[in-house]
């Protein structure tokens, strides 16, 4: 019985932990992609230096906020992930607008 319960409990814990880890990885990937979009916009001439600096400062604030939220507990809560995603969505719209104006 013990030999059956231990793997079952381990599998349940991993199943619960995986979505949070995947969300955290998605946040990191989004941040990297957005920074690449800013750099690409500068290289293509779509963004001025001032626009790029402003967007990068905003990107850094989001990164610090996520890092701070992650440090004050066991990773990011659902509410913190939702807040981070909303900030990244807003930043994505800003990057799009700045590159296409």
PDB file of N, CA and C in Angstrom:
ATOM      1  N   UNK A   1       0.824  -1.194   0.000  1.00  0.00           N
ATOM      2  CA  UNK A   1       0.000   0.000   0.000  1.00  0.00           C
ATOM      3  C   UNK A   1       0.868   1.258   0.000  1.00  0.00           C
ATOM      4  N   UNK A   2       1.934   1.267   0.836  1.00  0.00           N
ATOM      5  CA  UNK A   2       2.815   2.424   0.891  1.00  0.00           C
ATOM      6  C   UNK A   2       3.490   2.665  -0.450  1.00  0.00           C
ATOM      7  N   UNK A   3       3.843   1.582  -1.119  1.00  0.00           N
ATOM      8  CA  UNK A   3       4.534   1.709  -2.400  1.00  0.00           C
ATOM      9  C   UNK A   3       3.629   2.286  -3.474  1.00  0.00           C
ATOM     10  N   UNK A   4       2.348   2.124  -3.326  1.00  0.00           N
ATOM     11  CA  UNK A   4       1.402   2.672  -4.291  1.00  0.00           C
ATOM     12  C   UNK A   4       1.083   4.133  -3.980  1.00  0.00           C
ATOM     13  N   UNK A   5       0.949   4.493  -2.696  1.00  0.00           N
ATOM     14  CA  UNK A   5       0.566   5.844  -2.313  1.00  0.00           C
ATOM     15  C   UNK A   5       1.649   6.877  -2.605  1.00  0.00           C
ATOM     16  N   UNK A   6       2.884   6.544  -2.346  1.00  0.00           N
ATOM     17  CA  UNK A   6       3.959   7.516  -2.537  1.00  0.00           C
ATOM     18  C   UNK A   6       4.047   8.010  -3.981  1.00  0.00           C
ATOM     19  N   UNK A   7       4.080   7.136  -4.979  1.00  0.00           N
ATOM     20  CA  UNK A   7       4.101   7.642  -6.360  1.00  0.00           C
ATOM     21  C   UNK A   7       2.829   8.408  -6.724  1.00  0.00           C
ATOM     22  N   UNK A   8       1.696   7.979  -6.192  1.00  0.00           N
ATOM     23  CA  UNK A   8       0.435   8.672  -6.495  1.00  0.00           C
ATOM     24  C   UNK A   8       0.448  10.077  -5.913  1.00  0.00           C
ATOM     25  N   UNK A   9       0.946  10.228  -4.699  1.00  0.00           N
ATOM     26  CA  UNK A   9       1.032  11.552  -4.076  1.00  0.00           C
ATOM     27  C   UNK A   9       2.028  12.420  -4.829  1.00  0.00           C
ATOM     28  N   UNK A  10       3.158  11.857  -5.199  1.00  0.00           N
ATOM     29  CA  UNK A  10       4.165  12.608  -5.958  1.00  0.00           C
ATOM     30  C   UNK A  10       3.596  13.078  -7.293  1.00  0.00           C
ATOM     31  N   UNK A  11       2.854  12.226  -7.959  1.00  0.00           N
ATOM     32  CA  UNK A  11       2.251  12.603  -9.239  1.00  0.00           C
ATOM     33  C   UNK A  11       1.232  13.726  -9.060  1.00  0.00           C
ATOM     34  N   UNK A  12       0.453  13.664  -7.984  1.00  0.00           N
ATOM     35  CA  UNK A  12      -0.538  14.706  -7.718  1.00  0.00           C
ATOM     36  C   UNK A  12       0.135  16.047  -7.435  1.00  0.00           C
ATOM     37  N   UNK A  13       1.204  16.025  -6.668  1.00  0.00           N
ATOM     38  CA  UNK A  13       1.930  17.263  -6.360  1.00  0.00           C
ATOM     39  C   UNK A  13       2.529  17.854  -7.625  1.00  0.00           C
ATOM     40  N   UNK A  14       3.119  17.031  -8.457  1.00  0.00           N
ATOM     41  CA  UNK A  14       3.690  17.518  -9.713  1.00  0.00           C
ATOM     42  C   UNK A  14       2.617  18.074 -10.640  1.00  0.00           C
ATOM     43  N   UNK A  15       1.467  17.434 -10.663  1.00  0.00           N
ATOM     44  CA  UNK A  15       0.376  17.912 -11.518  1.00  0.00           C
ATOM     45  C   UNK A  15      -0.100  19.286 -11.072  1.00  0.00           C
ATOM     46  N   UNK A  16      -0.111  19.520  -9.766  1.00  0.00           N
ATOM     47  CA  UNK A  16      -0.530  20.820  -9.260  1.00  0.00           C
ATOM     48  C   UNK A  16       0.548  21.873  -9.449  1.00  0.00           C
ATOM     49  N   UNK A  17       1.802  21.499  -9.378  1.00  0.00           N
ATOM     50  CA  UNK A  17       2.899  22.461  -9.472  1.00  0.00           C
ATOM     51  C   UNK A  17       3.190  22.863 -10.910  1.00  0.00           C
ATOM     52  N   UNK A  18       2.928  22.026 -11.857  1.00  0.00           N
ATOM     53  CA  UNK A  18       3.300  22.273 -13.237  1.00  0.00           C
ATOM     54  C   UNK A  18       2.617  23.497 -13.853  1.00  0.00           C
ATOM     55  N   UNK A  19       1.315  23.738 -13.677  1.00  0.00           N
ATOM     56  CA  UNK A  19       0.715  24.924 -14.296  1.00  0.00           C
ATOM     57  C   UNK A  19       1.337  26.227 -13.816  1.00  0.00           C
ATOM     58  N   UNK A  20       1.654  26.324 -12.540  1.00  0.00           N
ATOM     59  CA  UNK A  20       2.267  27.553 -12.027  1.00  0.00           C
ATOM     60  C   UNK A  20       3.649  27.749 -12.626  1.00  0.00           C
ATOM     61  N   UNK A  21       4.413  26.676 -12.720  1.00  0.00           N
ATOM     62  CA  UNK A  21       5.746  26.771 -13.316  1.00  0.00           C
ATOM     63  C   UNK A  21       5.645  27.140 -14.791  1.00  0.00           C
ATOM     64  N   UNK A  22       4.663  26.578 -15.474  1.00  0.00           N
ATOM     65  CA  UNK A  22       4.473  26.895 -16.888  1.00  0.00           C
ATOM     66  C   UNK A  22       4.079  28.357 -17.059  1.00  0.00           C
ATOM     67  N   UNK A  23       3.219  28.866 -16.172  1.00  0.00           N
ATOM     68  CA  UNK A  23       2.838  30.280 -16.244  1.00  0.00           C
ATOM     69  C   UNK A  23       4.035  31.183 -16.013  1.00  0.00           C
ATOM     70  N   UNK A  24       4.880  30.820 -15.058  1.00  0.00           N
ATOM     71  CA  UNK A  24       6.072  31.621 -14.792  1.00  0.00           C
ATOM     72  C   UNK A  24       6.996  31.616 -16.007  1.00  0.00           C
ATOM     73  N   UNK A  25       7.144  30.467 -16.636  1.00  0.00           N
ATOM     74  CA  UNK A  25       7.980  30.379 -17.835  1.00  0.00           C
ATOM     75  C   UNK A  25       7.379  31.214 -18.964  1.00  0.00           C
ATOM     76  N   UNK A  26       6.052  31.215 -19.085  1.00  0.00           N
ATOM     77  CA  UNK A  26       5.401  32.026 -20.111  1.00  0.00           C
ATOM     78  C   UNK A  26       5.630  33.510 -19.878  1.00  0.00           C
ATOM     79  N   UNK A  27       5.613  33.929 -18.624  1.00  0.00           N
ATOM     80  CA  UNK A  27       5.870  35.341 -18.317  1.00  0.00           C
ATOM     81  C   UNK A  27       7.279  35.729 -18.733  1.00  0.00           C
ATOM     82  N   UNK A  28       8.232  34.864 -18.453  1.00  0.00           N
ATOM     83  CA  UNK A  28       9.618  35.141 -18.835  1.00  0.00           C
ATOM     84  C   UNK A  28       9.747  35.205 -20.354  1.00  0.00           C
ATOM     85  N   UNK A  29       9.131  34.255 -21.055  1.00  0.00           N
ATOM     86  CA  UNK A  29       9.186  34.239 -22.515  1.00  0.00           C
ATOM     87  C   UNK A  29       8.568  35.508 -23.100  1.00  0.00           C
ATOM     88  N   UNK A  30       7.447  35.936 -22.525  1.00  0.00           N
ATOM     89  CA  UNK A  30       6.787  37.151 -23.023  1.00  0.00           C
ATOM     90  C   UNK A  30       7.686  38.368 -22.842  1.00  0.00           C
ATOM     91  N   UNK A  31       8.339  38.447 -21.687  1.00  0.00           N
ATOM     92  CA  UNK A  31       9.227  39.576 -21.434  1.00  0.00           C
ATOM     93  C   UNK A  31      10.383  39.588 -22.432  1.00  0.00           C
ATOM     94  N   UNK A  32      10.949  38.428 -22.693  1.00  0.00           N
ATOM     95  CA  UNK A  32      12.062  38.330 -23.644  1.00  0.00           C
ATOM     96  C   UNK A  32      11.594  38.723 -25.045  1.00  0.00           C
ATOM     97  N   UNK A  33      10.428  38.228 -25.454  1.00  0.00           N
ATOM     98  CA  UNK A  33       9.902  38.587 -26.779  1.00  0.00           C
ATOM     99  C   UNK A  33       9.635  40.081 -26.891  1.00  0.00           C
ATOM    100  N   UNK A  34       9.103  40.682 -25.826  1.00  0.00           N
ATOM    101  CA  UNK A  34       8.815  42.108 -25.885  1.00  0.00           C
ATOM    102  C   UNK A  34      10.104  42.917 -25.954  1.00  0.00           C
ATOM    103  N   UNK A  35      11.122  42.513 -25.231  1.00  0.00           N
ATOM    104  CA  UNK A  35      12.398  43.215 -25.323  1.00  0.00           C
ATOM    105  C   UNK A  35      12.992  43.080 -26.723  1.00  0.00           C
ATOM    106  N   UNK A  36      12.827  41.915 -27.330  1.00  0.00           N
ATOM    107  CA  UNK A  36      13.303  41.713 -28.700  1.00  0.00           C
ATOM    108  C   UNK A  36      12.524  42.596 -29.676  1.00  0.00           C
ATOM    109  N   UNK A  37      11.223  42.756 -29.440  1.00  0.00           N
ATOM    110  CA  UNK A  37      10.419  43.625 -30.303  1.00  0.00           C
ATOM    111  C   UNK A  37      10.884  45.075 -30.205  1.00  0.00           C
ATOM    112  N   UNK A  38      11.244  45.506 -29.001  1.00  0.00           N
ATOM    113  CA  UNK A  38      11.751  46.868 -28.825  1.00  0.00           C
ATOM    114  C   UNK A  38      13.072  47.018 -29.582  1.00  0.00           C
ATOM    115  N   UNK A  39      13.986  46.067 -29.400  1.00  0.00           N
ATOM    116  CA  UNK A  39      15.281  46.120 -30.087  1.00  0.00           C
ATOM    117  C   UNK A  39      15.102  46.091 -31.599  1.00  0.00           C
ATOM    118  N   UNK A  40      14.198  45.247 -32.066  1.00  0.00           N
ATOM    119  CA  UNK A  40      13.943  45.148 -33.504  1.00  0.00           C
ATOM    120  C   UNK A  40      13.376  46.468 -34.034  1.00  0.00           C
ATOM    121  N   UNK A  41      12.516  47.090 -33.254  1.00  0.00           N
ATOM    122  CA  UNK A  41      11.957  48.373 -33.670  1.00  0.00           C
ATOM    123  C   UNK A  41      13.022  49.446 -33.809  1.00  0.00           C
ATOM    124  N   UNK A  42      13.999  49.438 -32.918  1.00  0.00           N
ATOM    125  CA  UNK A  42      15.109  50.392 -33.013  1.00  0.00           C
ATOM    126  C   UNK A  42      15.942  50.088 -34.248  1.00  0.00           C
ATOM    127  N   UNK A  43      16.263  48.804 -34.457  1.00  0.00           N
ATOM    128  CA  UNK A  43      17.089  48.417 -35.602  1.00  0.00           C
ATOM    129  C   UNK A  43      16.414  48.731 -36.925  1.00  0.00           C
ATOM    130  N   UNK A  44      15.109  48.605 -36.985  1.00  0.00           N
ATOM    131  CA  UNK A  44      14.369  48.872 -38.219  1.00  0.00           C
ATOM    132  C   UNK A  44      14.068  50.357 -38.413  1.00  0.00           C
ATOM    133  N   UNK A  45      14.320  51.151 -37.385  1.00  0.00           N
ATOM    134  CA  UNK A  45      14.033  52.579 -37.466  1.00  0.00           C
ATOM    135  C   UNK A  45      12.594  52.919 -37.135  1.00  0.00           C
ATOM    136  N   UNK A  46      11.842  51.956 -36.630  1.00  0.00           N
ATOM    137  CA  UNK A  46      10.444  52.201 -36.272  1.00  0.00           C
ATOM    138  C   UNK A  46      10.325  52.962 -34.961  1.00  0.00           C
ATOM    139  N   UNK A  47      11.315  52.799 -34.085  1.00  0.00           N
ATOM    140  CA  UNK A  47      11.308  53.460 -32.776  1.00  0.00           C
ATOM    141  C   UNK A  47      12.480  54.429 -32.682  1.00  0.00           C
ATOM    142  N   UNK A  48      12.189  55.589 -32.144  1.00  0.00           N
ATOM    143  CA  UNK A  48      13.284  56.520 -31.859  1.00  0.00           C
ATOM    144  C   UNK A  48      13.989  56.055 -30.587  1.00  0.00           C
ATOM    145  N   UNK A  49      15.124  56.644 -30.323  1.00  0.00           N
ATOM    146  CA  UNK A  49      15.856  56.277 -29.115  1.00  0.00           C
ATOM    147  C   UNK A  49      15.027  56.586 -27.871  1.00  0.00           C
ATOM    148  N   UNK A  50      14.360  57.733 -27.856  1.00  0.00           N
ATOM    149  CA  UNK A  50      13.529  58.125 -26.715  1.00  0.00           C
ATOM    150  C   UNK A  50      12.374  57.170 -26.473  1.00  0.00           C
ATOM    151  N   UNK A  51      11.728  56.752 -27.573  1.00  0.00           N
ATOM    152  CA  UNK A  51      10.633  55.789 -27.442  1.00  0.00           C
ATOM    153  C   UNK A  51      11.140  54.459 -26.889  1.00  0.00           C
ATOM    154  N   UNK A  52      12.283  54.031 -27.394  1.00  0.00           N
ATOM    155  CA  UNK A  52      12.847  52.754 -26.940  1.00  0.00           C
ATOM    156  C   UNK A  52      13.223  52.822 -25.459  1.00  0.00           C
ATOM    157  N   UNK A  53      13.796  53.929 -25.036  1.00  0.00           N
ATOM    158  CA  UNK A  53      14.172  54.088 -23.627  1.00  0.00           C
ATOM    159  C   UNK A  53      12.925  54.062 -22.749  1.00  0.00           C
ATOM    160  N   UNK A  54      11.884  54.762 -23.161  1.00  0.00           N
ATOM    161  CA  UNK A  54      10.642  54.787 -22.388  1.00  0.00           C
ATOM    162  C   UNK A  54      10.023  53.392 -22.296  1.00  0.00           C
ATOM    163  N   UNK A  55       9.980  52.681 -23.414  1.00  0.00           N
ATOM    164  CA  UNK A  55       9.424  51.329 -23.421  1.00  0.00           C
ATOM    165  C   UNK A  55      10.271  50.374 -22.577  1.00  0.00           C
ATOM    166  N   UNK A  56      11.592  50.520 -22.655  1.00  0.00           N
ATOM    167  CA  UNK A  56      12.469  49.642 -21.885  1.00  0.00           C
ATOM    168  C   UNK A  56      12.339  49.917 -20.389  1.00  0.00           C
ATOM    169  N   UNK A  57      12.186  51.176 -19.998  1.00  0.00           N
ATOM    170  CA  UNK A  57      11.977  51.498 -18.583  1.00  0.00           C
ATOM    171  C   UNK A  57      10.683  50.867 -18.080  1.00  0.00           C
ATOM    172  N   UNK A  58       9.644  50.939 -18.886  1.00  0.00           N
ATOM    173  CA  UNK A  58       8.378  50.322 -18.513  1.00  0.00           C
ATOM    174  C   UNK A  58       8.525  48.802 -18.404  1.00  0.00           C
ATOM    175  N   UNK A  59       9.274  48.216 -19.339  1.00  0.00           N
ATOM    176  CA  UNK A  59       9.530  46.775 -19.312  1.00  0.00           C
ATOM    177  C   UNK A  59      10.291  46.401 -18.033  1.00  0.00           C
ATOM    178  N   UNK A  60      11.254  47.221 -17.641  1.00  0.00           N
ATOM    179  CA  UNK A  60      12.026  46.964 -16.422  1.00  0.00           C
ATOM    180  C   UNK A  60      11.146  47.053 -15.178  1.00  0.00           C
ATOM    181  N   UNK A  61      10.208  48.006 -15.157  1.00  0.00           N
ATOM    182  CA  UNK A  61       9.288  48.115 -14.013  1.00  0.00           C
ATOM    183  C   UNK A  61       8.431  46.858 -13.887  1.00  0.00           C
ATOM    184  N   UNK A  62       7.959  46.352 -15.008  1.00  0.00           N
ATOM    185  CA  UNK A  62       7.153  45.130 -14.993  1.00  0.00           C
ATOM    186  C   UNK A  62       7.995  43.969 -14.468  1.00  0.00           C
ATOM    187  N   UNK A  63       9.223  43.862 -14.948  1.00  0.00           N
ATOM    188  CA  UNK A  63      10.111  42.780 -14.509  1.00  0.00           C
ATOM    189  C   UNK A  63      10.366  42.852 -13.001  1.00  0.00           C
ATOM    190  N   UNK A  64      10.634  44.056 -12.486  1.00  0.00           N
ATOM    191  CA  UNK A  64      10.862  44.213 -11.040  1.00  0.00           C
ATOM    192  C   UNK A  64       9.615  43.853 -10.249  1.00  0.00           C
ATOM    193  N   UNK A  65       8.459  44.223 -10.759  1.00  0.00           N
ATOM    194  CA  UNK A  65       7.209  43.909 -10.078  1.00  0.00           C
ATOM    195  C   UNK A  65       6.994  42.399  -9.998  1.00  0.00           C
ATOM    196  N   UNK A  66       7.233  41.711 -11.092  1.00  0.00           N
ATOM    197  CA  UNK A  66       7.080  40.257 -11.104  1.00  0.00           C
ATOM    198  C   UNK A  66       8.088  39.613 -10.163  1.00  0.00           C
ATOM    199  N   UNK A  67       9.321  40.082 -10.204  1.00  0.00           N
ATOM    200  CA  UNK A  67      10.357  39.528  -9.332  1.00  0.00           C
ATOM    201  C   UNK A  67      10.020  39.747  -7.867  1.00  0.00           C
ATOM    202  N   UNK A  68       9.491  40.930  -7.539  1.00  0.00           N
ATOM    203  CA  UNK A  68       9.096  41.252  -6.162  1.00  0.00           C
ATOM    204  C   UNK A  68       7.931  40.372  -5.716  1.00  0.00           C
ATOM    205  N   UNK A  69       6.934  40.197  -6.590  1.00  0.00           N
ATOM    206  CA  UNK A  69       5.788  39.338  -6.262  1.00  0.00           C
ATOM    207  C   UNK A  69       6.233  37.898  -6.052  1.00  0.00           C
ATOM    208  N   UNK A  70       7.166  37.450  -6.866  1.00  0.00           N
ATOM    209  CA  UNK A  70       7.651  36.073  -6.764  1.00  0.00           C
ATOM    210  C   UNK A  70       8.444  35.870  -5.469  1.00  0.00           C
ATOM    211  N   UNK A  71       9.143  36.899  -5.016  1.00  0.00           N
ATOM    212  CA  UNK A  71      10.016  36.773  -3.844  1.00  0.00           C
ATOM    213  C   UNK A  71       9.250  36.781  -2.529  1.00  0.00           C
ATOM    214  N   UNK A  72       8.062  37.348  -2.497  1.00  0.00           N
ATOM    215  CA  UNK A  72       7.362  37.490  -1.215  1.00  0.00           C
ATOM    216  C   UNK A  72       6.448  36.313  -0.877  1.00  0.00           C
ATOM    217  N   UNK A  73       6.642  35.192  -1.517  1.00  0.00           N
ATOM    218  CA  UNK A  73       5.821  34.020  -1.209  1.00  0.00           C
ATOM    219  C   UNK A  73       6.312  32.822  -1.983  1.00  0.00           C
ATOM    220  N   UNK A  74       5.418  31.889  -2.195  1.00  0.00           N
ATOM    221  CA  UNK A  74       5.746  30.682  -2.947  1.00  0.00           C
ATOM    222  C   UNK A  74       5.469  30.895  -4.427  1.00  0.00           C
ATOM    223  N   UNK A  75       6.237  31.732  -5.058  1.00  0.00           N
ATOM    224  CA  UNK A  75       6.012  32.019  -6.471  1.00  0.00           C
ATOM    225  C   UNK A  75       4.905  33.037  -6.639  1.00  0.00           C
ATOM    226  N   UNK A  76       4.253  32.995  -7.769  1.00  0.00           N
ATOM    227  CA  UNK A  76       3.183  33.941  -8.073  1.00  0.00           C
ATOM    228  C   UNK A  76       1.826  33.313  -7.792  1.00  0.00           C
ATOM    229  N   UNK A  77       0.970  34.077  -7.127  1.00  0.00           N
ATOM    230  CA  UNK A  77      -0.398  33.614  -6.926  1.00  0.00           C
ATOM    231  C   UNK A  77      -1.168  33.833  -8.228  1.00  0.00           C
ATOM    232  N   UNK A  78      -2.358  33.313  -8.298  1.00  0.00           N
ATOM    233  CA  UNK A  78      -3.185  33.481  -9.500  1.00  0.00           C
ATOM    234  C   UNK A  78      -3.470  34.959  -9.759  1.00  0.00           C
ATOM    235  N   UNK A  79      -3.728  35.710  -8.702  1.00  0.00           N
ATOM    236  CA  UNK A  79      -4.005  37.141  -8.852  1.00  0.00           C
ATOM    237  C   UNK A  79      -2.762  37.885  -9.342  1.00  0.00           C
ATOM    238  N   UNK A  80      -1.598  37.516  -8.821  1.00  0.00           N
ATOM    239  CA  UNK A  80      -0.356  38.162  -9.248  1.00  0.00           C
ATOM    240  C   UNK A  80      -0.035  37.830 -10.699  1.00  0.00           C
ATOM    241  N   UNK A  81      -0.289  36.576 -11.108  1.00  0.00           N
ATOM    242  CA  UNK A  81      -0.086  36.199 -12.514  1.00  0.00           C
ATOM    243  C   UNK A  81      -1.029  36.978 -13.425  1.00  0.00           C
ATOM    244  N   UNK A  82      -2.276  37.130 -12.997  1.00  0.00           N
ATOM    245  CA  UNK A  82      -3.247  37.875 -13.798  1.00  0.00           C
ATOM    246  C   UNK A  82      -2.827  39.334 -13.928  1.00  0.00           C
ATOM    247  N   UNK A  83      -2.348  39.913 -12.831  1.00  0.00           N
ATOM    248  CA  UNK A  83      -1.883  41.304 -12.850  1.00  0.00           C
ATOM    249  C   UNK A  83      -0.671  41.448 -13.774  1.00  0.00           C
ATOM    250  N   UNK A  84       0.263  40.501 -13.691  1.00  0.00           N
ATOM    251  CA  UNK A  84       1.451  40.542 -14.542  1.00  0.00           C
ATOM    252  C   UNK A  84       1.068  40.402 -16.011  1.00  0.00           C
ATOM    253  N   UNK A  85       0.143  39.489 -16.311  1.00  0.00           N
ATOM    254  CA  UNK A  85      -0.305  39.322 -17.694  1.00  0.00           C
ATOM    255  C   UNK A  85      -0.990  40.578 -18.213  1.00  0.00           C
ATOM    256  N   UNK A  86      -1.779  41.225 -17.370  1.00  0.00           N
ATOM    257  CA  UNK A  86      -2.442  42.468 -17.782  1.00  0.00           C
ATOM    258  C   UNK A  86      -1.411  43.551 -18.082  1.00  0.00           C
ATOM    259  N   UNK A  87      -0.386  43.641 -17.245  1.00  0.00           N
ATOM    260  CA  UNK A  87       0.675  44.633 -17.488  1.00  0.00           C
ATOM    261  C   UNK A  87       1.432  44.323 -18.775  1.00  0.00           C
ATOM    262  N   UNK A  88       1.721  43.045 -19.000  1.00  0.00           N
ATOM    263  CA  UNK A  88       2.418  42.670 -20.228  1.00  0.00           C
ATOM    264  C   UNK A  88       1.542  42.901 -21.457  1.00  0.00           C
ATOM    265  N   UNK A  89       0.239  42.685 -21.342  1.00  0.00           N
ATOM    266  CA  UNK A  89      -0.679  42.981 -22.452  1.00  0.00           C
ATOM    267  C   UNK A  89      -0.662  44.471 -22.780  1.00  0.00           C
ATOM    268  N   UNK A  90      -0.730  45.288 -21.741  1.00  0.00           N
ATOM    269  CA  UNK A  90      -0.713  46.739 -21.925  1.00  0.00           C
ATOM    270  C   UNK A  90       0.609  47.177 -22.564  1.00  0.00           C
ATOM    271  N   UNK A  91       1.714  46.599 -22.101  1.00  0.00           N
ATOM    272  CA  UNK A  91       3.026  46.928 -22.661  1.00  0.00           C
ATOM    273  C   UNK A  91       3.109  46.502 -24.121  1.00  0.00           C
ATOM    274  N   UNK A  92       2.543  45.358 -24.448  1.00  0.00           N
ATOM    275  CA  UNK A  92       2.552  44.892 -25.829  1.00  0.00           C
ATOM    276  C   UNK A  92       1.819  45.881 -26.737  1.00  0.00           C
ATOM    277  N   UNK A  93       0.686  46.392 -26.266  1.00  0.00           N
ATOM    278  CA  UNK A  93      -0.056  47.400 -27.050  1.00  0.00           C
ATOM    279  C   UNK A  93       0.769  48.671 -27.210  1.00  0.00           C
ATOM    280  N   UNK A  94       1.479  49.061 -26.149  1.00  0.00           N
ATOM    281  CA  UNK A  94       2.330  50.265 -26.250  1.00  0.00           C
ATOM    282  C   UNK A  94       3.433  50.081 -27.288  1.00  0.00           C
ATOM    283  N   UNK A  95       4.053  48.905 -27.282  1.00  0.00           N
ATOM    284  CA  UNK A  95       5.118  48.631 -28.250  1.00  0.00           C
ATOM    285  C   UNK A  95       4.542  48.687 -29.671  1.00  0.00           C
ATOM    286  N   UNK A  96       3.401  48.054 -29.873  1.00  0.00           N
ATOM    287  CA  UNK A  96       2.761  48.062 -31.196  1.00  0.00           C
ATOM    288  C   UNK A  96       2.449  49.492 -31.642  1.00  0.00           C
ATOM    289  N   UNK A  97       1.857  50.264 -30.745  1.00  0.00           N
ATOM    290  CA  UNK A  97       1.498  51.642 -31.085  1.00  0.00           C
ATOM    291  C   UNK A  97       2.732  52.470 -31.414  1.00  0.00           C
ATOM    292  N   UNK A  98       3.777  52.334 -30.597  1.00  0.00           N
ATOM    293  CA  UNK A  98       4.991  53.117 -30.831  1.00  0.00           C
ATOM    294  C   UNK A  98       5.669  52.726 -32.133  1.00  0.00           C
ATOM    295  N   UNK A  99       5.646  51.451 -32.478  1.00  0.00           N
ATOM    296  CA  UNK A  99       6.304  51.008 -33.717  1.00  0.00           C
ATOM    297  C   UNK A  99       5.509  51.380 -34.957  1.00  0.00           C
ATOM    298  N   UNK A 100       4.210  51.598 -34.798  1.00  0.00           N
ATOM    299  CA  UNK A 100       3.370  51.831 -35.973  1.00  0.00           C
ATOM    300  C   UNK A 100       2.826  53.251 -36.079  1.00  0.00           C
ATOM    301  N   UNK A 101       3.387  54.181 -35.335  1.00  0.00           N
ATOM    302  CA  UNK A 101       2.861  55.555 -35.445  1.00  0.00           C
ATOM    303  C   UNK A 101       3.670  56.379 -36.390  1.00  0.00           C
TER     304      UNK A 101
END
